[in-house]
Amino acid sequence: MRNKKEAVVLLSGGLDSATTLYLARKQGYKCFCLIFDYGQRHRKEISSAKKIAQSTGSKYQVVKVSLPWKGSSLLDKNINIPASASDGASGIPTTYVPARNIIFLSFALSCAEAMKAEAIFIGAHAQDYSGYPDCRPEFYQAFRKVDACGTKSGVEKNGVKIMTPLINKGKAGIIRLGNKLGVPFGETWSCYQGGKRPCGTCDSCHYREKGFREAKSFDPLLK
């Protein structure tokens, strides 16, 4: 039997996953957070994720994953982080990490099945994003089928729910929701660089700035 109202939350340290954690808590879930150290360019987002988990009193675990083949500018410091796609670039940017959400969700599914947690929450959304294929609704529909036919609990018709509560929201909507939930956005980190302040030029910074502007809210990282 599943442990009702227990959930595994994928927590990156960004505003999307932070809002997702706070929403899961608001819905009554006892949350266990998975934070991934996968060789990203900086550890600032890992530090942010820990602080966000602690702010909700949620237990967490940092999972170290080695991706020695790299294949992304977030993993390979020899590849420059591109400027925002709003500057005219097209296609999926080099910041795409091959199969990252497939990897993370596979870990989360294993964890949730072992813990008998009812659900997995992930803060993916397909508006105001960089076009990563593993952020689209179609991907999550397919992954639910993986759960149903590829796990013991799924085959026994007691599979884990894959929850994507932000999937159809834009950044402004996510920020408005986060403000209502009391998300400490000042503890989040979105920039692909690990400086003292957001770089202001990468895709992640672009969408964050756009979101706060459209939500008529102030980004506490820019004070």
C-alpha atoms as a PDB file:
ATOM      1  CA  MET A   1       0.000   0.000   0.000  1.00  0.00           C
ATOM      2  CA  ARG A   2       1.104   3.515  -0.743  1.00  0.00           C
ATOM      3  CA  ASN A   3       1.817   5.956   2.066  1.00  0.00           C
ATOM      4  CA  LYS A   4      -0.883   8.496   1.327  1.00  0.00           C
ATOM      5  CA  LYS A   5       0.180  12.120   1.231  1.00  0.00           C
ATOM      6  CA  GLU A   6       3.885  11.330   1.054  1.00  0.00           C
ATOM      7  CA  ALA A   7       5.794  12.625  -1.957  1.00  0.00           C
ATOM      8  CA  VAL A   8       9.243  12.775  -3.479  1.00  0.00           C
ATOM      9  CA  VAL A   9      10.015  16.259  -4.803  1.00  0.00           C
ATOM     10  CA  LEU A  10      12.743  16.979  -7.348  1.00  0.00           C
ATOM     11  CA  LEU A  11      14.379  20.126  -6.008  1.00  0.00           C
ATOM     12  CA  SER A  12      16.917  22.001  -8.110  1.00  0.00           C
ATOM     13  CA  GLY A  13      17.150  25.253  -6.161  1.00  0.00           C
ATOM     14  CA  GLY A  14      15.356  27.286  -8.819  1.00  0.00           C
ATOM     15  CA  LEU A  15      12.068  29.138  -8.416  1.00  0.00           C
ATOM     16  CA  ASP A  16      10.023  26.499 -10.287  1.00  0.00           C
ATOM     17  CA  SER A  17      11.013  23.577  -8.074  1.00  0.00           C
ATOM     18  CA  ALA A  18      10.777  25.727  -4.933  1.00  0.00           C
ATOM     19  CA  THR A  19       7.215  26.717  -5.831  1.00  0.00           C
ATOM     20  CA  THR A  20       6.405  23.070  -6.546  1.00  0.00           C
ATOM     21  CA  LEU A  21       7.686  22.004  -3.120  1.00  0.00           C
ATOM     22  CA  TYR A  22       5.639  24.692  -1.364  1.00  0.00           C
ATOM     23  CA  LEU A  23       2.568  23.724  -3.393  1.00  0.00           C
ATOM     24  CA  ALA A  24       2.973  20.043  -2.506  1.00  0.00           C
ATOM     25  CA  ARG A  25       3.243  21.003   1.150  1.00  0.00           C
ATOM     26  CA  LYS A  26       0.141  23.213   0.819  1.00  0.00           C
ATOM     27  CA  GLN A  27      -1.729  20.206  -0.591  1.00  0.00           C
ATOM     28  CA  GLY A  28      -0.877  18.277   2.544  1.00  0.00           C
ATOM     29  CA  TYR A  29       2.040  16.172   1.353  1.00  0.00           C
ATOM     30  CA  LYS A  30       4.924  15.204   3.585  1.00  0.00           C
ATOM     31  CA  CYS A  31       7.828  15.768   1.225  1.00  0.00           C
ATOM     32  CA  PHE A  32      11.206  14.138   0.747  1.00  0.00           C
ATOM     33  CA  CYS A  33      13.437  16.181  -1.560  1.00  0.00           C
ATOM     34  CA  LEU A  34      15.962  14.807  -4.025  1.00  0.00           C
ATOM     35  CA  ILE A  35      18.734  17.270  -4.908  1.00  0.00           C
ATOM     36  CA  PHE A  36      21.093  16.249  -7.713  1.00  0.00           C
ATOM     37  CA  ASP A  37      24.796  16.959  -7.888  1.00  0.00           C
ATOM     38  CA  TYR A  38      25.390  15.977 -11.501  1.00  0.00           C
ATOM     39  CA  GLY A  39      28.561  17.899 -12.259  1.00  0.00           C
ATOM     40  CA  GLN A  40      26.883  21.207 -13.039  1.00  0.00           C
ATOM     41  CA  ARG A  41      29.150  24.240 -13.457  1.00  0.00           C
ATOM     42  CA  HIS A  42      28.569  25.545  -9.938  1.00  0.00           C
ATOM     43  CA  ARG A  43      27.249  24.305  -6.618  1.00  0.00           C
ATOM     44  CA  LYS A  44      25.254  27.428  -5.811  1.00  0.00           C
ATOM     45  CA  GLU A  45      21.959  25.867  -6.867  1.00  0.00           C
ATOM     46  CA  ILE A  46      22.650  22.859  -4.609  1.00  0.00           C
ATOM     47  CA  SER A  47      23.147  25.208  -1.662  1.00  0.00           C
ATOM     48  CA  SER A  48      19.896  26.980  -2.577  1.00  0.00           C
ATOM     49  CA  ALA A  49      18.005  23.695  -2.778  1.00  0.00           C
ATOM     50  CA  LYS A  50      19.175  22.681   0.695  1.00  0.00           C
ATOM     51  CA  LYS A  51      18.018  26.013   2.153  1.00  0.00           C
ATOM     52  CA  ILE A  52      14.614  25.717   0.464  1.00  0.00           C
ATOM     53  CA  ALA A  53      14.097  22.161   1.739  1.00  0.00           C
ATOM     54  CA  GLN A  54      15.072  23.279   5.237  1.00  0.00           C
ATOM     55  CA  SER A  55      12.662  26.229   5.047  1.00  0.00           C
ATOM     56  CA  THR A  56       9.772  23.753   4.802  1.00  0.00           C
ATOM     57  CA  GLY A  57      11.145  21.309   7.342  1.00  0.00           C
ATOM     58  CA  SER A  58      11.435  18.678   4.607  1.00  0.00           C
ATOM     59  CA  LYS A  59      14.041  15.949   4.684  1.00  0.00           C
ATOM     60  CA  TYR A  60      16.340  15.849   1.686  1.00  0.00           C
ATOM     61  CA  GLN A  61      19.137  13.849   0.114  1.00  0.00           C
ATOM     62  CA  VAL A  62      21.823  15.038  -2.276  1.00  0.00           C
ATOM     63  CA  VAL A  63      22.336  12.404  -4.966  1.00  0.00           C
ATOM     64  CA  LYS A  64      25.641  12.507  -6.835  1.00  0.00           C
ATOM     65  CA  VAL A  65      25.391  11.427 -10.466  1.00  0.00           C
ATOM     66  CA  SER A  66      28.387  11.211 -12.791  1.00  0.00           C
ATOM     67  CA  LEU A  67      27.871  12.188 -16.445  1.00  0.00           C
ATOM     68  CA  PRO A  68      31.462  11.943 -17.745  1.00  0.00           C
ATOM     69  CA  TRP A  69      30.390  12.190 -21.398  1.00  0.00           C
ATOM     70  CA  LYS A  70      29.141  15.746 -20.695  1.00  0.00           C
ATOM     71  CA  GLY A  71      27.334  16.945 -23.859  1.00  0.00           C
ATOM     72  CA  SER A  72      26.125  20.245 -22.403  1.00  0.00           C
ATOM     73  CA  SER A  73      27.503  23.689 -21.638  1.00  0.00           C
ATOM     74  CA  LEU A  74      26.180  23.211 -18.092  1.00  0.00           C
ATOM     75  CA  LEU A  75      28.610  20.299 -17.698  1.00  0.00           C
ATOM     76  CA  ASP A  76      31.549  21.309 -19.873  1.00  0.00           C
ATOM     77  CA  LYS A  77      33.355  24.527 -18.954  1.00  0.00           C
ATOM     78  CA  ASN A  78      35.018  24.505 -22.374  1.00  0.00           C
ATOM     79  CA  ILE A  79      31.635  25.384 -23.907  1.00  0.00           C
ATOM     80  CA  ASN A  80      30.418  28.930 -23.357  1.00  0.00           C
ATOM     81  CA  ILE A  81      26.996  29.471 -21.823  1.00  0.00           C
ATOM     82  CA  PRO A  82      24.949  30.990 -24.662  1.00  0.00           C
ATOM     83  CA  ALA A  83      23.115  34.272 -24.353  1.00  0.00           C
ATOM     84  CA  SER A  84      19.344  34.166 -24.163  1.00  0.00           C
ATOM     85  CA  ALA A  85      17.460  32.799 -27.160  1.00  0.00           C
ATOM     86  CA  SER A  86      15.624  36.118 -27.138  1.00  0.00           C
ATOM     87  CA  ASP A  87      18.771  37.494 -28.807  1.00  0.00           C
ATOM     88  CA  GLY A  88      17.883  35.615 -32.006  1.00  0.00           C
ATOM     89  CA  ALA A  89      19.252  32.115 -31.460  1.00  0.00           C
ATOM     90  CA  SER A  90      17.008  29.216 -32.446  1.00  0.00           C
ATOM     91  CA  GLY A  91      16.771  25.535 -31.639  1.00  0.00           C
ATOM     92  CA  ILE A  92      17.491  23.707 -28.407  1.00  0.00           C
ATOM     93  CA  PRO A  93      20.387  25.524 -26.668  1.00  0.00           C
ATOM     94  CA  THR A  94      23.653  23.941 -25.549  1.00  0.00           C
ATOM     95  CA  THR A  95      22.459  24.202 -21.936  1.00  0.00           C
ATOM     96  CA  TYR A  96      20.281  21.152 -22.606  1.00  0.00           C
ATOM     97  CA  VAL A  97      21.684  18.235 -20.577  1.00  0.00           C
ATOM     98  CA  PRO A  98      21.042  14.991 -22.499  1.00  0.00           C
ATOM     99  CA  ALA A  99      18.134  13.054 -20.947  1.00  0.00           C
ATOM    100  CA  ARG A 100      18.490  14.912 -17.622  1.00  0.00           C
ATOM    101  CA  ASN A 101      14.837  14.700 -16.576  1.00  0.00           C
ATOM    102  CA  ILE A 102      14.660  11.059 -17.642  1.00  0.00           C
ATOM    103  CA  ILE A 103      17.606  10.353 -15.345  1.00  0.00           C
ATOM    104  CA  PHE A 104      16.246  12.409 -12.457  1.00  0.00           C
ATOM    105  CA  LEU A 105      12.736  10.974 -12.721  1.00  0.00           C
ATOM    106  CA  SER A 106      14.128   7.442 -12.823  1.00  0.00           C
ATOM    107  CA  PHE A 107      15.908   8.067  -9.521  1.00  0.00           C
ATOM    108  CA  ALA A 108      12.777   9.685  -8.095  1.00  0.00           C
ATOM    109  CA  LEU A 109      10.616   6.761  -9.208  1.00  0.00           C
ATOM    110  CA  SER A 110      12.988   4.254  -7.598  1.00  0.00           C
ATOM    111  CA  CYS A 111      12.998   6.333  -4.404  1.00  0.00           C
ATOM    112  CA  ALA A 112       9.221   6.763  -4.341  1.00  0.00           C
ATOM    113  CA  GLU A 113       8.589   3.069  -4.974  1.00  0.00           C
ATOM    114  CA  ALA A 114      11.022   2.056  -2.221  1.00  0.00           C
ATOM    115  CA  MET A 115       9.483   4.562   0.224  1.00  0.00           C
ATOM    116  CA  LYS A 116       5.964   3.693  -0.932  1.00  0.00           C
ATOM    117  CA  ALA A 117       5.381   7.392  -1.502  1.00  0.00           C
ATOM    118  CA  GLU A 118       2.149   8.299  -3.246  1.00  0.00           C
ATOM    119  CA  ALA A 119       3.562  10.838  -5.681  1.00  0.00           C
ATOM    120  CA  ILE A 120       6.521  12.493  -7.367  1.00  0.00           C
ATOM    121  CA  PHE A 121       6.428  16.261  -7.909  1.00  0.00           C
ATOM    122  CA  ILE A 122       8.529  17.996 -10.561  1.00  0.00           C
ATOM    123  CA  GLY A 123       8.414  21.698 -11.462  1.00  0.00           C
ATOM    124  CA  ALA A 124       8.653  21.330 -15.242  1.00  0.00           C
ATOM    125  CA  HIS A 125       6.647  23.671 -17.442  1.00  0.00           C
ATOM    126  CA  ALA A 126       6.366  24.274 -21.166  1.00  0.00           C
ATOM    127  CA  GLN A 127       5.866  28.040 -21.300  1.00  0.00           C
ATOM    128  CA  ASP A 128       8.643  30.631 -20.909  1.00  0.00           C
ATOM    129  CA  TYR A 129      11.277  27.899 -21.147  1.00  0.00           C
ATOM    130  CA  SER A 130      14.261  27.014 -23.335  1.00  0.00           C
ATOM    131  CA  GLY A 131      12.532  24.368 -25.437  1.00  0.00           C
ATOM    132  CA  TYR A 132      14.028  21.344 -23.700  1.00  0.00           C
ATOM    133  CA  PRO A 133      12.176  18.241 -24.950  1.00  0.00           C
ATOM    134  CA  ASP A 134      11.980  16.702 -21.467  1.00  0.00           C
ATOM    135  CA  CYS A 135       9.912  19.627 -20.160  1.00  0.00           C
ATOM    136  CA  ARG A 136       6.917  19.057 -22.460  1.00  0.00           C
ATOM    137  CA  PRO A 137       3.570  17.499 -21.440  1.00  0.00           C
ATOM    138  CA  GLU A 138       4.096  14.701 -23.992  1.00  0.00           C
ATOM    139  CA  PHE A 139       7.211  13.554 -22.168  1.00  0.00           C
ATOM    140  CA  TYR A 140       5.423  13.275 -18.824  1.00  0.00           C
ATOM    141  CA  GLN A 141       2.518  11.415 -20.406  1.00  0.00           C
ATOM    142  CA  ALA A 142       5.049   8.931 -21.776  1.00  0.00           C
ATOM    143  CA  PHE A 143       6.884   8.628 -18.464  1.00  0.00           C
ATOM    144  CA  ARG A 144       3.641   7.781 -16.699  1.00  0.00           C
ATOM    145  CA  LYS A 145       3.399   4.809 -19.063  1.00  0.00           C
ATOM    146  CA  VAL A 146       6.955   3.833 -18.058  1.00  0.00           C
ATOM    147  CA  ASP A 147       5.830   3.808 -14.432  1.00  0.00           C
ATOM    148  CA  ALA A 148       2.737   1.769 -15.269  1.00  0.00           C
ATOM    149  CA  CYS A 149       4.557  -0.986 -17.162  1.00  0.00           C
ATOM    150  CA  GLY A 150       8.109  -0.863 -15.790  1.00  0.00           C
ATOM    151  CA  THR A 151       7.735  -0.960 -12.007  1.00  0.00           C
ATOM    152  CA  LYS A 152       6.364  -3.526  -9.598  1.00  0.00           C
ATOM    153  CA  SER A 153       3.871  -1.059  -8.170  1.00  0.00           C
ATOM    154  CA  GLY A 154       2.777   0.007 -11.649  1.00  0.00           C
ATOM    155  CA  VAL A 155       2.173  -3.561 -12.830  1.00  0.00           C
ATOM    156  CA  GLU A 156       0.185  -4.166  -9.647  1.00  0.00           C
ATOM    157  CA  LYS A 157      -1.970  -1.120 -10.503  1.00  0.00           C
ATOM    158  CA  ASN A 158      -0.629   0.855  -7.560  1.00  0.00           C
ATOM    159  CA  GLY A 159       1.840   3.073  -9.370  1.00  0.00           C
ATOM    160  CA  VAL A 160       3.350   6.372  -8.294  1.00  0.00           C
ATOM    161  CA  LYS A 161       1.576   9.544  -9.422  1.00  0.00           C
ATOM    162  CA  ILE A 162       3.813  11.796 -11.556  1.00  0.00           C
ATOM    163  CA  MET A 163       2.685  15.327 -10.652  1.00  0.00           C
ATOM    164  CA  THR A 164       3.531  18.307 -12.886  1.00  0.00           C
ATOM    165  CA  PRO A 165       1.433  21.103 -11.357  1.00  0.00           C
ATOM    166  CA  LEU A 166       3.211  23.919 -13.219  1.00  0.00           C
ATOM    167  CA  ILE A 167       3.261  22.304 -16.664  1.00  0.00           C
ATOM    168  CA  ASN A 168       0.896  24.809 -18.315  1.00  0.00           C
ATOM    169  CA  LYS A 169       1.972  27.896 -16.392  1.00  0.00           C
ATOM    170  CA  GLY A 170       4.248  30.678 -17.577  1.00  0.00           C
ATOM    171  CA  LYS A 171       6.945  32.159 -15.341  1.00  0.00           C
ATOM    172  CA  ALA A 172       4.736  35.058 -14.240  1.00  0.00           C
ATOM    173  CA  GLY A 173       2.007  32.649 -13.144  1.00  0.00           C
ATOM    174  CA  ILE A 174       4.527  30.547 -11.249  1.00  0.00           C
ATOM    175  CA  ILE A 175       5.881  33.631  -9.463  1.00  0.00           C
ATOM    176  CA  ARG A 176       2.377  34.806  -8.531  1.00  0.00           C
ATOM    177  CA  LEU A 177       1.619  31.351  -7.144  1.00  0.00           C
ATOM    178  CA  GLY A 178       4.926  31.288  -5.281  1.00  0.00           C
ATOM    179  CA  ASN A 179       4.210  34.670  -3.719  1.00  0.00           C
ATOM    180  CA  LYS A 180       0.839  33.408  -2.478  1.00  0.00           C
ATOM    181  CA  LEU A 181       2.522  30.323  -1.007  1.00  0.00           C
ATOM    182  CA  GLY A 182       5.277  32.351   0.677  1.00  0.00           C
ATOM    183  CA  VAL A 183       8.142  30.871  -1.347  1.00  0.00           C
ATOM    184  CA  PRO A 184      11.446  32.499  -0.303  1.00  0.00           C
ATOM    185  CA  PHE A 185      12.503  33.532  -3.797  1.00  0.00           C
ATOM    186  CA  GLY A 186      15.562  35.229  -2.325  1.00  0.00           C
ATOM    187  CA  GLU A 187      16.936  31.770  -1.522  1.00  0.00           C
ATOM    188  CA  THR A 188      16.412  30.441  -5.057  1.00  0.00           C
ATOM    189  CA  TRP A 189      18.985  30.510  -7.831  1.00  0.00           C
ATOM    190  CA  SER A 190      18.215  30.339 -11.548  1.00  0.00           C
ATOM    191  CA  CYS A 191      21.311  31.692 -13.316  1.00  0.00           C
ATOM    192  CA  TYR A 192      23.480  29.193 -15.212  1.00  0.00           C
ATOM    193  CA  GLN A 193      26.525  30.999 -13.870  1.00  0.00           C
ATOM    194  CA  GLY A 194      27.585  30.777 -10.230  1.00  0.00           C
ATOM    195  CA  GLY A 195      28.461  34.397  -9.526  1.00  0.00           C
ATOM    196  CA  LYS A 196      27.454  36.579  -6.621  1.00  0.00           C
ATOM    197  CA  ARG A 197      24.659  38.062  -8.719  1.00  0.00           C
ATOM    198  CA  PRO A 198      22.683  36.678 -11.677  1.00  0.00           C
ATOM    199  CA  CYS A 199      24.496  37.257 -14.973  1.00  0.00           C
ATOM    200  CA  GLY A 200      21.380  38.717 -16.585  1.00  0.00           C
ATOM    201  CA  THR A 201      22.182  37.349 -20.051  1.00  0.00           C
ATOM    202  CA  CYS A 202      21.587  33.571 -20.011  1.00  0.00           C
ATOM    203  CA  ASP A 203      18.243  32.005 -20.941  1.00  0.00           C
ATOM    204  CA  SER A 204      17.382  31.243 -17.336  1.00  0.00           C
ATOM    205  CA  CYS A 205      18.023  34.829 -16.252  1.00  0.00           C
ATOM    206  CA  HIS A 206      15.991  36.113 -19.199  1.00  0.00           C
ATOM    207  CA  TYR A 207      12.900  34.078 -18.332  1.00  0.00           C
ATOM    208  CA  ARG A 208      13.231  34.855 -14.630  1.00  0.00           C
ATOM    209  CA  GLU A 209      13.452  38.606 -15.283  1.00  0.00           C
ATOM    210  CA  LYS A 210      10.526  38.413 -17.727  1.00  0.00           C
ATOM    211  CA  GLY A 211       8.453  36.491 -15.196  1.00  0.00           C
ATOM    212  CA  PHE A 212       9.000  38.915 -12.337  1.00  0.00           C
ATOM    213  CA  ARG A 213       8.323  41.869 -14.642  1.00  0.00           C
ATOM    214  CA  GLU A 214       5.069  40.392 -15.986  1.00  0.00           C
ATOM    215  CA  ALA A 215       3.987  39.378 -12.476  1.00  0.00           C
ATOM    216  CA  LYS A 216       4.609  42.980 -11.391  1.00  0.00           C
ATOM    217  CA  SER A 217       6.807  41.637  -8.634  1.00  0.00           C
ATOM    218  CA  PHE A 218      10.369  42.316  -7.519  1.00  0.00           C
ATOM    219  CA  ASP A 219      13.153  39.737  -7.715  1.00  0.00           C
ATOM    220  CA  PRO A 220      14.875  39.771  -4.316  1.00  0.00           C
ATOM    221  CA  LEU A 221      18.130  38.568  -5.925  1.00  0.00           C
ATOM    222  CA  LEU A 222      18.442  41.944  -7.643  1.00  0.00           C
ATOM    223  CA  LYS A 223      18.226  44.140  -4.537  1.00  0.00           C
END
